[in-house]
mmCIF file of all heavy atoms, coordinates in Angstrom:
data_MODEL
# 
_entry.id   MODEL 
# 
loop_
_atom_site.group_PDB 
_atom_site.id 
_atom_site.type_symbol 
_atom_site.label_atom_id 
_atom_site.label_alt_id 
_atom_site.label_comp_id 
_atom_site.label_asym_id 
_atom_site.label_entity_id 
_atom_site.label_seq_id 
_atom_site.pdbx_PDB_ins_code 
_atom_site.Cartn_x 
_atom_site.Cartn_y 
_atom_site.Cartn_z 
_atom_site.occupancy 
_atom_site.B_iso_or_equiv 
_atom_site.pdbx_formal_charge 
_atom_site.auth_seq_id 
_atom_site.auth_comp_id 
_atom_site.auth_asym_id 
_atom_site.auth_atom_id 
_atom_site.pdbx_PDB_model_num 
ATOM 1   N N   . ARG A 1 1  ? 67.384 59.743 162.632 1.00 0.00 ? 1  ARG A N   1 
ATOM 2   C CA  . ARG A 1 1  ? 67.403 59.237 164.009 1.00 0.00 ? 1  ARG A CA  1 
ATOM 3   C C   . ARG A 1 1  ? 66.913 60.290 165.001 1.00 0.00 ? 1  ARG A C   1 
ATOM 4   O O   . ARG A 1 1  ? 66.422 59.938 166.080 1.00 0.00 ? 1  ARG A O   1 
ATOM 5   C CB  . ARG A 1 1  ? 68.808 58.755 164.371 1.00 0.00 ? 1  ARG A CB  1 
ATOM 6   C CG  . ARG A 1 1  ? 69.162 57.438 163.671 1.00 0.00 ? 1  ARG A CG  1 
ATOM 7   C CD  . ARG A 1 1  ? 70.576 56.978 163.962 1.00 0.00 ? 1  ARG A CD  1 
ATOM 8   N NE  . ARG A 1 1  ? 70.777 55.640 163.438 1.00 0.00 ? 1  ARG A NE  1 
ATOM 9   C CZ  . ARG A 1 1  ? 71.799 55.283 162.664 1.00 0.00 ? 1  ARG A CZ  1 
ATOM 10  N NH1 . ARG A 1 1  ? 72.719 56.174 162.324 1.00 0.00 ? 1  ARG A NH1 1 
ATOM 11  N NH2 . ARG A 1 1  ? 71.895 54.045 162.230 1.00 0.00 ? 1  ARG A NH2 1 
ATOM 12  N N   . ARG A 1 2  ? 67.042 61.546 164.642 1.00 0.00 ? 2  ARG A N   1 
ATOM 13  C CA  . ARG A 1 2  ? 66.495 62.611 165.498 1.00 0.00 ? 2  ARG A CA  1 
ATOM 14  C C   . ARG A 1 2  ? 65.009 62.806 165.244 1.00 0.00 ? 2  ARG A C   1 
ATOM 15  O O   . ARG A 1 2  ? 64.227 62.932 166.190 1.00 0.00 ? 2  ARG A O   1 
ATOM 16  C CB  . ARG A 1 2  ? 67.222 63.939 165.235 1.00 0.00 ? 2  ARG A CB  1 
ATOM 17  C CG  . ARG A 1 2  ? 68.642 64.022 165.741 1.00 0.00 ? 2  ARG A CG  1 
ATOM 18  C CD  . ARG A 1 2  ? 69.123 65.469 165.709 1.00 0.00 ? 2  ARG A CD  1 
ATOM 19  N NE  . ARG A 1 2  ? 68.949 66.085 164.392 1.00 0.00 ? 2  ARG A NE  1 
ATOM 20  C CZ  . ARG A 1 2  ? 69.866 66.055 163.425 1.00 0.00 ? 2  ARG A CZ  1 
ATOM 21  N NH1 . ARG A 1 2  ? 71.014 65.425 163.632 1.00 0.00 ? 2  ARG A NH1 1 
ATOM 22  N NH2 . ARG A 1 2  ? 69.646 66.647 162.268 1.00 0.00 ? 2  ARG A NH2 1 
ATOM 23  N N   . GLN A 1 3  ? 64.640 62.863 163.959 1.00 0.00 ? 3  GLN A N   1 
ATOM 24  C CA  . GLN A 1 3  ? 63.305 63.347 163.636 1.00 0.00 ? 3  GLN A CA  1 
ATOM 25  C C   . GLN A 1 3  ? 62.211 62.300 163.810 1.00 0.00 ? 3  GLN A C   1 
ATOM 26  O O   . GLN A 1 3  ? 61.099 62.629 164.271 1.00 0.00 ? 3  GLN A O   1 
ATOM 27  C CB  . GLN A 1 3  ? 63.272 63.911 162.194 1.00 0.00 ? 3  GLN A CB  1 
ATOM 28  C CG  . GLN A 1 3  ? 63.521 62.917 161.111 1.00 0.00 ? 3  GLN A CG  1 
ATOM 29  C CD  . GLN A 1 3  ? 63.838 63.529 159.748 1.00 0.00 ? 3  GLN A CD  1 
ATOM 30  O OE1 . GLN A 1 3  ? 64.288 62.829 158.877 1.00 0.00 ? 3  GLN A OE1 1 
ATOM 31  N NE2 . GLN A 1 3  ? 63.618 64.818 159.538 1.00 0.00 ? 3  GLN A NE2 1 
ATOM 32  N N   . ILE A 1 4  ? 62.455 61.043 163.477 1.00 0.00 ? 4  ILE A N   1 
ATOM 33  C CA  . ILE A 1 4  ? 61.349 60.081 163.467 1.00 0.00 ? 4  ILE A CA  1 
ATOM 34  C C   . ILE A 1 4  ? 60.826 59.778 164.871 1.00 0.00 ? 4  ILE A C   1 
ATOM 35  O O   . ILE A 1 4  ? 59.605 59.772 165.074 1.00 0.00 ? 4  ILE A O   1 
ATOM 36  C CB  . ILE A 1 4  ? 61.737 58.799 162.708 1.00 0.00 ? 4  ILE A CB  1 
ATOM 37  C CG1 . ILE A 1 4  ? 62.095 59.144 161.259 1.00 0.00 ? 4  ILE A CG1 1 
ATOM 38  C CG2 . ILE A 1 4  ? 60.574 57.797 162.735 1.00 0.00 ? 4  ILE A CG2 1 
ATOM 39  C CD1 . ILE A 1 4  ? 62.527 57.951 160.416 1.00 0.00 ? 4  ILE A CD1 1 
ATOM 40  N N   . PRO A 1 5  ? 61.672 59.519 165.879 1.00 0.00 ? 5  PRO A N   1 
ATOM 41  C CA  . PRO A 1 5  ? 61.096 59.312 167.222 1.00 0.00 ? 5  PRO A CA  1 
ATOM 42  C C   . PRO A 1 5  ? 60.269 60.510 167.707 1.00 0.00 ? 5  PRO A C   1 
ATOM 43  O O   . PRO A 1 5  ? 59.236 60.323 168.359 1.00 0.00 ? 5  PRO A O   1 
ATOM 44  C CB  . PRO A 1 5  ? 62.343 59.094 168.094 1.00 0.00 ? 5  PRO A CB  1 
ATOM 45  C CG  . PRO A 1 5  ? 63.364 58.533 167.148 1.00 0.00 ? 5  PRO A CG  1 
ATOM 46  C CD  . PRO A 1 5  ? 63.126 59.272 165.860 1.00 0.00 ? 5  PRO A CD  1 
ATOM 47  N N   . GLU A 1 6  ? 60.706 61.721 167.390 1.00 0.00 ? 6  GLU A N   1 
ATOM 48  C CA  . GLU A 1 6  ? 59.938 62.903 167.773 1.00 0.00 ? 6  GLU A CA  1 
ATOM 49  C C   . GLU A 1 6  ? 58.584 62.927 167.064 1.00 0.00 ? 6  GLU A C   1 
ATOM 50  O O   . GLU A 1 6  ? 57.564 63.275 167.661 1.00 0.00 ? 6  GLU A O   1 
ATOM 51  C CB  . GLU A 1 6  ? 60.729 64.166 167.430 1.00 0.00 ? 6  GLU A CB  1 
ATOM 52  C CG  . GLU A 1 6  ? 62.005 64.340 168.250 1.00 0.00 ? 6  GLU A CG  1 
ATOM 53  C CD  . GLU A 1 6  ? 62.819 65.541 167.788 1.00 0.00 ? 6  GLU A CD  1 
ATOM 54  O OE1 . GLU A 1 6  ? 62.386 66.221 166.838 1.00 0.00 ? 6  GLU A OE1 1 
ATOM 55  O OE2 . GLU A 1 6  ? 63.885 65.792 168.387 1.00 0.00 ? 6  GLU A OE2 1 
ATOM 56  N N   . LEU A 1 7  ? 58.570 62.544 165.800 1.00 0.00 ? 7  LEU A N   1 
ATOM 57  C CA  . LEU A 1 7  ? 57.317 62.527 165.039 1.00 0.00 ? 7  LEU A CA  1 
ATOM 58  C C   . LEU A 1 7  ? 56.368 61.456 165.556 1.00 0.00 ? 7  LEU A C   1 
ATOM 59  O O   . LEU A 1 7  ? 55.151 61.656 165.562 1.00 0.00 ? 7  LEU A O   1 
ATOM 60  C CB  . LEU A 1 7  ? 57.606 62.309 163.549 1.00 0.00 ? 7  LEU A CB  1 
ATOM 61  C CG  . LEU A 1 7  ? 58.309 63.455 162.830 1.00 0.00 ? 7  LEU A CG  1 
ATOM 62  C CD1 . LEU A 1 7  ? 58.657 63.065 161.397 1.00 0.00 ? 7  LEU A CD1 1 
ATOM 63  C CD2 . LEU A 1 7  ? 57.436 64.709 162.834 1.00 0.00 ? 7  LEU A CD2 1 
ATOM 64  N N   . ILE A 1 8  ? 56.901 60.326 165.976 1.00 0.00 ? 8  ILE A N   1 
ATOM 65  C CA  . ILE A 1 8  ? 56.050 59.277 166.548 1.00 0.00 ? 8  ILE A CA  1 
ATOM 66  C C   . ILE A 1 8  ? 55.343 59.809 167.794 1.00 0.00 ? 8  ILE A C   1 
ATOM 67  O O   . ILE A 1 8  ? 54.129 59.626 167.966 1.00 0.00 ? 8  ILE A O   1 
ATOM 68  C CB  . ILE A 1 8  ? 56.881 58.028 166.880 1.00 0.00 ? 8  ILE A CB  1 
ATOM 69  C CG1 . ILE A 1 8  ? 57.388 57.365 165.593 1.00 0.00 ? 8  ILE A CG1 1 
ATOM 70  C CG2 . ILE A 1 8  ? 56.049 57.021 167.694 1.00 0.00 ? 8  ILE A CG2 1 
ATOM 71  C CD1 . ILE A 1 8  ? 58.420 56.268 165.828 1.00 0.00 ? 8  ILE A CD1 1 
ATOM 72  N N   . ALA A 1 9  ? 56.092 60.490 168.660 1.00 0.00 ? 9  ALA A N   1 
ATOM 73  C CA  . ALA A 1 9  ? 55.498 61.041 169.883 1.00 0.00 ? 9  ALA A CA  1 
ATOM 74  C C   . ALA A 1 9  ? 54.447 62.100 169.565 1.00 0.00 ? 9  ALA A C   1 
ATOM 75  O O   . ALA A 1 9  ? 53.358 62.115 170.157 1.00 0.00 ? 9  ALA A O   1 
ATOM 76  C CB  . ALA A 1 9  ? 56.599 61.629 170.769 1.00 0.00 ? 9  ALA A CB  1 
ATOM 77  N N   . LEU A 1 10 ? 54.756 62.991 168.624 1.00 0.00 ? 10 LEU A N   1 
ATOM 78  C CA  . LEU A 1 10 ? 53.787 64.026 168.227 1.00 0.00 ? 10 LEU A CA  1 
ATOM 79  C C   . LEU A 1 10 ? 52.528 63.395 167.637 1.00 0.00 ? 10 LEU A C   1 
ATOM 80  O O   . LEU A 1 10 ? 51.403 63.827 167.940 1.00 0.00 ? 10 LEU A O   1 
ATOM 81  C CB  . LEU A 1 10 ? 54.419 64.965 167.203 1.00 0.00 ? 10 LEU A CB  1 
ATOM 82  C CG  . LEU A 1 10 ? 55.458 65.967 167.702 1.00 0.00 ? 10 LEU A CG  1 
ATOM 83  C CD1 . LEU A 1 10 ? 56.094 66.694 166.518 1.00 0.00 ? 10 LEU A CD1 1 
ATOM 84  C CD2 . LEU A 1 10 ? 54.832 66.972 168.661 1.00 0.00 ? 10 LEU A CD2 1 
ATOM 85  N N   . SER A 1 11 ? 52.710 62.378 166.806 1.00 0.00 ? 11 SER A N   1 
ATOM 86  C CA  . SER A 1 11 ? 51.566 61.755 166.161 1.00 0.00 ? 11 SER A CA  1 
ATOM 87  C C   . SER A 1 11 ? 50.667 61.062 167.176 1.00 0.00 ? 11 SER A C   1 
ATOM 88  O O   . SER A 1 11 ? 49.435 61.166 167.094 1.00 0.00 ? 11 SER A O   1 
ATOM 89  C CB  . SER A 1 11 ? 52.051 60.747 165.108 1.00 0.00 ? 11 SER A CB  1 
ATOM 90  O OG  . SER A 1 11 ? 50.957 60.210 164.402 1.00 0.00 ? 11 SER A OG  1 
ATOM 91  N N   . ARG A 1 12 ? 51.267 60.371 168.128 1.00 0.00 ? 12 ARG A N   1 
ATOM 92  C CA  . ARG A 1 12 ? 50.442 59.704 169.145 1.00 0.00 ? 12 ARG A CA  1 
ATOM 93  C C   . ARG A 1 12 ? 49.632 60.735 169.931 1.00 0.00 ? 12 ARG A C   1 
ATOM 94  O O   . ARG A 1 12 ? 48.467 60.488 170.290 1.00 0.00 ? 12 ARG A O   1 
ATOM 95  C CB  . ARG A 1 12 ? 51.325 58.876 170.073 1.00 0.00 ? 12 ARG A CB  1 
ATOM 96  C CG  . ARG A 1 12 ? 51.979 57.695 169.376 1.00 0.00 ? 12 ARG A CG  1 
ATOM 97  C CD  . ARG A 1 12 ? 52.306 56.551 170.319 1.00 0.00 ? 12 ARG A CD  1 
ATOM 98  N NE  . ARG A 1 12 ? 53.038 55.487 169.633 1.00 0.00 ? 12 ARG A NE  1 
ATOM 99  C CZ  . ARG A 1 12 ? 52.518 54.606 168.808 1.00 0.00 ? 12 ARG A CZ  1 
ATOM 100 N NH1 . ARG A 1 12 ? 51.198 54.646 168.569 1.00 0.00 ? 12 ARG A NH1 1 
ATOM 101 N NH2 . ARG A 1 12 ? 53.252 53.668 168.234 1.00 0.00 ? 12 ARG A NH2 1 
ATOM 102 N N   . LYS A 1 13 ? 50.233 61.889 170.206 1.00 0.00 ? 13 LYS A N   1 
ATOM 103 C CA  . LYS A 1 13 ? 49.525 62.935 170.945 1.00 0.00 ? 13 LYS A CA  1 
ATOM 104 C C   . LYS A 1 13 ? 48.363 63.486 170.121 1.00 0.00 ? 13 LYS A C   1 
ATOM 105 O O   . LYS A 1 13 ? 47.251 63.628 170.629 1.00 0.00 ? 13 LYS A O   1 
ATOM 106 C CB  . LYS A 1 13 ? 50.488 64.059 171.306 1.00 0.00 ? 13 LYS A CB  1 
ATOM 107 C CG  . LYS A 1 13 ? 49.859 65.164 172.144 1.00 0.00 ? 13 LYS A CG  1 
ATOM 108 C CD  . LYS A 1 13 ? 50.898 66.185 172.579 1.00 0.00 ? 13 LYS A CD  1 
ATOM 109 C CE  . LYS A 1 13 ? 50.275 67.277 173.433 1.00 0.00 ? 13 LYS A CE  1 
ATOM 110 N NZ  . LYS A 1 13 ? 51.273 68.288 173.868 1.00 0.00 ? 13 LYS A NZ  1 
ATOM 111 N N   . VAL A 1 14 ? 48.614 63.787 168.839 1.00 0.00 ? 14 VAL A N   1 
ATOM 112 C CA  . VAL A 1 14 ? 47.557 64.325 167.983 1.00 0.00 ? 14 VAL A CA  1 
ATOM 113 C C   . VAL A 1 14 ? 46.432 63.316 167.812 1.00 0.00 ? 14 VAL A C   1 
ATOM 114 O O   . VAL A 1 14 ? 45.243 63.659 167.899 1.00 0.00 ? 14 VAL A O   1 
ATOM 115 C CB  . VAL A 1 14 ? 48.135 64.723 166.602 1.00 0.00 ? 14 VAL A CB  1 
ATOM 116 C CG1 . VAL A 1 14 ? 47.019 65.007 165.605 1.00 0.00 ? 14 VAL A CG1 1 
ATOM 117 C CG2 . VAL A 1 14 ? 49.035 65.941 166.746 1.00 0.00 ? 14 VAL A CG2 1 
ATOM 118 N N   . GLU A 1 15 ? 46.780 62.054 167.596 1.00 0.00 ? 15 GLU A N   1 
ATOM 119 C CA  . GLU A 1 15 ? 45.749 61.024 167.403 1.00 0.00 ? 15 GLU A CA  1 
ATOM 120 C C   . GLU A 1 15 ? 44.907 60.832 168.661 1.00 0.00 ? 15 GLU A C   1 
ATOM 121 O O   . GLU A 1 15 ? 43.712 60.542 168.569 1.00 0.00 ? 15 GLU A O   1 
ATOM 122 C CB  . GLU A 1 15 ? 46.399 59.707 166.987 1.00 0.00 ? 15 GLU A CB  1 
ATOM 123 C CG  . GLU A 1 15 ? 46.985 59.726 165.571 1.00 0.00 ? 15 GLU A CG  1 
ATOM 124 C CD  . GLU A 1 15 ? 47.575 58.389 165.164 1.00 0.00 ? 15 GLU A CD  1 
ATOM 125 O OE1 . GLU A 1 15 ? 46.810 57.408 165.095 1.00 0.00 ? 15 GLU A OE1 1 
ATOM 126 O OE2 . GLU A 1 15 ? 48.803 58.331 164.930 1.00 0.00 ? 15 GLU A OE2 1 
ATOM 127 N N   . ALA A 1 16 ? 45.518 60.997 169.841 1.00 0.00 ? 16 ALA A N   1 
ATOM 128 C CA  . ALA A 1 16 ? 44.771 60.827 171.092 1.00 0.00 ? 16 ALA A CA  1 
ATOM 129 C C   . ALA A 1 16 ? 43.906 62.040 171.404 1.00 0.00 ? 16 ALA A C   1 
ATOM 130 O O   . ALA A 1 16 ? 42.713 61.911 171.722 1.00 0.00 ? 16 ALA A O   1 
ATOM 131 C CB  . ALA A 1 16 ? 45.754 60.569 172.237 1.00 0.00 ? 16 ALA A CB  1 
ATOM 132 N N   . VAL A 1 17 ? 44.479 63.231 171.291 1.00 0.00 ? 17 VAL A N   1 
ATOM 133 C CA  . VAL A 1 17 ? 43.763 64.455 171.656 1.00 0.00 ? 17 VAL A CA  1 
ATOM 134 C C   . VAL A 1 17 ? 42.639 64.762 170.672 1.00 0.00 ? 17 VAL A C   1 
ATOM 135 O O   . VAL A 1 17 ? 41.572 65.253 171.059 1.00 0.00 ? 17 VAL A O   1 
ATOM 136 C CB  . VAL A 1 17 ? 44.747 65.640 171.748 1.00 0.00 ? 17 VAL A CB  1 
ATOM 137 C CG1 . VAL A 1 17 ? 44.002 66.955 171.938 1.00 0.00 ? 17 VAL A CG1 1 
ATOM 138 C CG2 . VAL A 1 17 ? 45.732 65.417 172.891 1.00 0.00 ? 17 VAL A CG2 1 
ATOM 139 N N   . HIS A 1 18 ? 42.867 64.475 169.388 1.00 0.00 ? 18 HIS A N   1 
ATOM 140 C CA  . HIS A 1 18 ? 41.888 64.826 168.355 1.00 0.00 ? 18 HIS A CA  1 
ATOM 141 C C   . HIS A 1 18 ? 41.228 63.590 167.760 1.00 0.00 ? 18 HIS A C   1 
ATOM 142 O O   . HIS A 1 18 ? 40.885 63.564 166.576 1.00 0.00 ? 18 HIS A O   1 
ATOM 143 C CB  . HIS A 1 18 ? 42.582 65.634 167.250 1.00 0.00 ? 18 HIS A CB  1 
ATOM 144 C CG  . HIS A 1 18 ? 43.238 66.888 167.742 1.00 0.00 ? 18 HIS A CG  1 
ATOM 145 N ND1 . HIS A 1 18 ? 42.528 68.034 168.029 1.00 0.00 ? 18 HIS A ND1 1 
ATOM 146 C CD2 . HIS A 1 18 ? 44.535 67.174 168.015 1.00 0.00 ? 18 HIS A CD2 1 
ATOM 147 C CE1 . HIS A 1 18 ? 43.358 68.981 168.450 1.00 0.00 ? 18 HIS A CE1 1 
ATOM 148 N NE2 . HIS A 1 18 ? 44.592 68.478 168.454 1.00 0.00 ? 18 HIS A NE2 1 
ATOM 149 N N   . ALA A 1 19 ? 41.016 62.578 168.596 1.00 0.00 ? 19 ALA A N   1 
ATOM 150 C CA  . ALA A 1 19 ? 40.484 61.301 168.104 1.00 0.00 ? 19 ALA A CA  1 
ATOM 151 C C   . ALA A 1 19 ? 39.149 61.452 167.373 1.00 0.00 ? 19 ALA A C   1 
ATOM 152 O O   . ALA A 1 19 ? 38.852 60.698 166.445 1.00 0.00 ? 19 ALA A O   1 
ATOM 153 C CB  . ALA A 1 19 ? 40.334 60.328 169.269 1.00 0.00 ? 19 ALA A CB  1 
ATOM 154 N N   . GLY A 1 20 ? 38.342 62.431 167.767 1.00 0.00 ? 20 GLY A N   1 
ATOM 155 C CA  . GLY A 1 20 ? 37.041 62.598 167.135 1.00 0.00 ? 20 GLY A CA  1 
ATOM 156 C C   . GLY A 1 20 ? 37.043 63.499 165.919 1.00 0.00 ? 20 GLY A C   1 
ATOM 157 O O   . GLY A 1 20 ? 35.997 63.687 165.276 1.00 0.00 ? 20 GLY A O   1 
ATOM 158 N N   . HIS A 1 21 ? 38.183 64.055 165.567 1.00 0.00 ? 21 HIS A N   1 
ATOM 159 C CA  . HIS A 1 21 ? 38.265 64.985 164.432 1.00 0.00 ? 21 HIS A CA  1 
ATOM 160 C C   . HIS A 1 21 ? 38.217 64.192 163.124 1.00 0.00 ? 21 HIS A C   1 
ATOM 161 O O   . HIS A 1 21 ? 38.907 63.176 162.977 1.00 0.00 ? 21 HIS A O   1 
ATOM 162 C CB  . HIS A 1 21 ? 39.559 65.787 164.517 1.00 0.00 ? 21 HIS A CB  1 
ATOM 163 C CG  . HIS A 1 21 ? 39.586 66.991 163.628 1.00 0.00 ? 21 HIS A CG  1 
ATOM 164 N ND1 . HIS A 1 21 ? 39.633 66.924 162.246 1.00 0.00 ? 21 HIS A ND1 1 
ATOM 165 C CD2 . HIS A 1 21 ? 39.566 68.323 163.938 1.00 0.00 ? 21 HIS A CD2 1 
ATOM 166 C CE1 . HIS A 1 21 ? 39.647 68.139 161.746 1.00 0.00 ? 21 HIS A CE1 1 
ATOM 167 N NE2 . HIS A 1 21 ? 39.601 69.013 162.755 1.00 0.00 ? 21 HIS A NE2 1 
ATOM 168 N N   . PRO A 1 22 ? 37.394 64.636 162.159 1.00 0.00 ? 22 PRO A N   1 
ATOM 169 C CA  . PRO A 1 22 ? 37.274 63.877 160.909 1.00 0.00 ? 22 PRO A CA  1 
ATOM 170 C C   . PRO A 1 22 ? 38.561 63.796 160.093 1.00 0.00 ? 22 PRO A C   1 
ATOM 171 O O   . PRO A 1 22 ? 38.701 62.907 159.254 1.00 0.00 ? 22 PRO A O   1 
ATOM 172 C CB  . PRO A 1 22 ? 36.187 64.646 160.135 1.00 0.00 ? 22 PRO A CB  1 
ATOM 173 C CG  . PRO A 1 22 ? 36.170 66.020 160.741 1.00 0.00 ? 22 PRO A CG  1 
ATOM 174 C CD  . PRO A 1 22 ? 36.521 65.817 162.175 1.00 0.00 ? 22 PRO A CD  1 
ATOM 175 N N   . GLU A 1 23 ? 39.503 64.707 160.339 1.00 0.00 ? 23 GLU A N   1 
ATOM 176 C CA  . GLU A 1 23 ? 40.745 64.698 159.558 1.00 0.00 ? 23 GLU A CA  1 
ATOM 177 C C   . GLU A 1 23 ? 41.945 64.218 160.369 1.00 0.00 ? 23 GLU A C   1 
ATOM 178 O O   . GLU A 1 23 ? 43.092 64.367 159.923 1.00 0.00 ? 23 GLU A O   1 
ATOM 179 C CB  . GLU A 1 23 ? 41.028 66.100 158.997 1.00 0.00 ? 23 GLU A CB  1 
ATOM 180 C CG  . GLU A 1 23 ? 39.985 66.576 157.999 1.00 0.00 ? 23 GLU A CG  1 
ATOM 181 C CD  . GLU A 1 23 ? 40.308 67.950 157.436 1.00 0.00 ? 23 GLU A CD  1 
ATOM 182 O OE1 . GLU A 1 23 ? 41.396 68.121 156.872 1.00 0.00 ? 23 GLU A OE1 1 
ATOM 183 O OE2 . GLU A 1 23 ? 39.463 68.862 157.582 1.00 0.00 ? 23 GLU A OE2 1 
ATOM 184 N N   . VAL A 1 24 ? 41.701 63.629 161.527 1.00 0.00 ? 24 VAL A N   1 
ATOM 185 C CA  . VAL A 1 24 ? 42.821 63.131 162.320 1.00 0.00 ? 24 VAL A CA  1 
ATOM 186 C C   . VAL A 1 24 ? 43.538 62.034 161.530 1.00 0.00 ? 24 VAL A C   1 
ATOM 187 O O   . VAL A 1 24 ? 42.889 61.184 160.905 1.00 0.00 ? 24 VAL A O   1 
ATOM 188 C CB  . VAL A 1 24 ? 42.335 62.606 163.687 1.00 0.00 ? 24 VAL A CB  1 
ATOM 189 C CG1 . VAL A 1 24 ? 41.509 61.334 163.534 1.00 0.00 ? 24 VAL A CG1 1 
ATOM 190 C CG2 . VAL A 1 24 ? 43.511 62.379 164.624 1.00 0.00 ? 24 VAL A CG2 1 
ATOM 191 N N   . PRO A 1 25 ? 44.870 62.037 161.516 1.00 0.00 ? 25 PRO A N   1 
ATOM 192 C CA  . PRO A 1 25 ? 45.611 61.039 160.730 1.00 0.00 ? 25 PRO A CA  1 
ATOM 193 C C   . PRO A 1 25 ? 45.707 59.712 161.470 1.00 0.00 ? 25 PRO A C   1 
ATOM 194 O O   . PRO A 1 25 ? 46.775 59.310 161.956 1.00 0.00 ? 25 PRO A O   1 
ATOM 195 C CB  . PRO A 1 25 ? 46.985 61.698 160.543 1.00 0.00 ? 25 PRO A CB  1 
ATOM 196 C CG  . PRO A 1 25 ? 47.161 62.527 161.782 1.00 0.00 ? 25 PRO A CG  1 
ATOM 197 C CD  . PRO A 1 25 ? 45.782 63.036 162.124 1.00 0.00 ? 25 PRO A CD  1 
ATOM 198 N N   . GLY A 1 26 ? 44.593 59.011 161.564 1.00 0.00 ? 26 GLY A N   1 
ATOM 199 C CA  . GLY A 1 26 ? 44.577 57.741 162.274 1.00 0.00 ? 26 GLY A CA  1 
ATOM 200 C C   . GLY A 1 26 ? 45.549 56.729 161.670 1.00 0.00 ? 26 GLY A C   1 
ATOM 201 O O   . GLY A 1 26 ? 45.546 56.518 160.467 1.00 0.00 ? 26 GLY A O   1 
ATOM 202 N N   . GLY A 1 27 ? 46.373 56.138 162.509 1.00 0.00 ? 27 GLY A N   1 
ATOM 203 C CA  . GLY A 1 27 ? 47.345 55.161 162.041 1.00 0.00 ? 27 GLY A CA  1 
ATOM 204 C C   . GLY A 1 27 ? 48.696 55.744 161.682 1.00 0.00 ? 27 GLY A C   1 
ATOM 205 O O   . GLY A 1 27 ? 49.620 55.006 161.334 1.00 0.00 ? 27 GLY A O   1 
ATOM 206 N N   . LEU A 1 28 ? 48.835 57.066 161.776 1.00 0.00 ? 28 LEU A N   1 
ATOM 207 C CA  . LEU A 1 28 ? 50.097 57.696 161.387 1.00 0.00 ? 28 LEU A CA  1 
ATOM 208 C C   . LEU A 1 28 ? 51.229 57.288 162.321 1.00 0.00 ? 28 LEU A C   1 
ATOM 209 O O   . LEU A 1 28 ? 52.352 57.006 161.873 1.00 0.00 ? 28 LEU A O   1 
ATOM 210 C CB  . LEU A 1 28 ? 49.943 59.214 161.366 1.00 0.00 ? 28 LEU A CB  1 
ATOM 211 C CG  . LEU A 1 28 ? 51.205 60.014 161.013 1.00 0.00 ? 28 LEU A CG  1 
ATOM 212 C CD1 . LEU A 1 28 ? 51.742 59.623 159.649 1.00 0.00 ? 28 LEU A CD1 1 
ATOM 213 C CD2 . LEU A 1 28 ? 50.913 61.523 161.056 1.00 0.00 ? 28 LEU A CD2 1 
ATOM 214 N N   . ALA A 1 29 ? 50.973 57.249 163.618 1.00 0.00 ? 29 ALA A N   1 
ATOM 215 C CA  . ALA A 1 29 ? 52.025 56.868 164.568 1.00 0.00 ? 29 ALA A CA  1 
ATOM 216 C C   . ALA A 1 29 ? 52.516 55.454 164.294 1.00 0.00 ? 29 ALA A C   1 
ATOM 217 O O   . ALA A 1 29 ? 53.718 55.179 164.335 1.00 0.00 ? 29 ALA A O   1 
ATOM 218 C CB  . ALA A 1 29 ? 51.520 57.000 165.997 1.00 0.00 ? 29 ALA A CB  1 
# 
């Protein structure tokens, strides 16, 4: 309950900021 909401927020940030990166984990959030 602590870790997953934090990971969702981190993943959305990484997917948005690094959208053009070939190794971005698209769909992870």
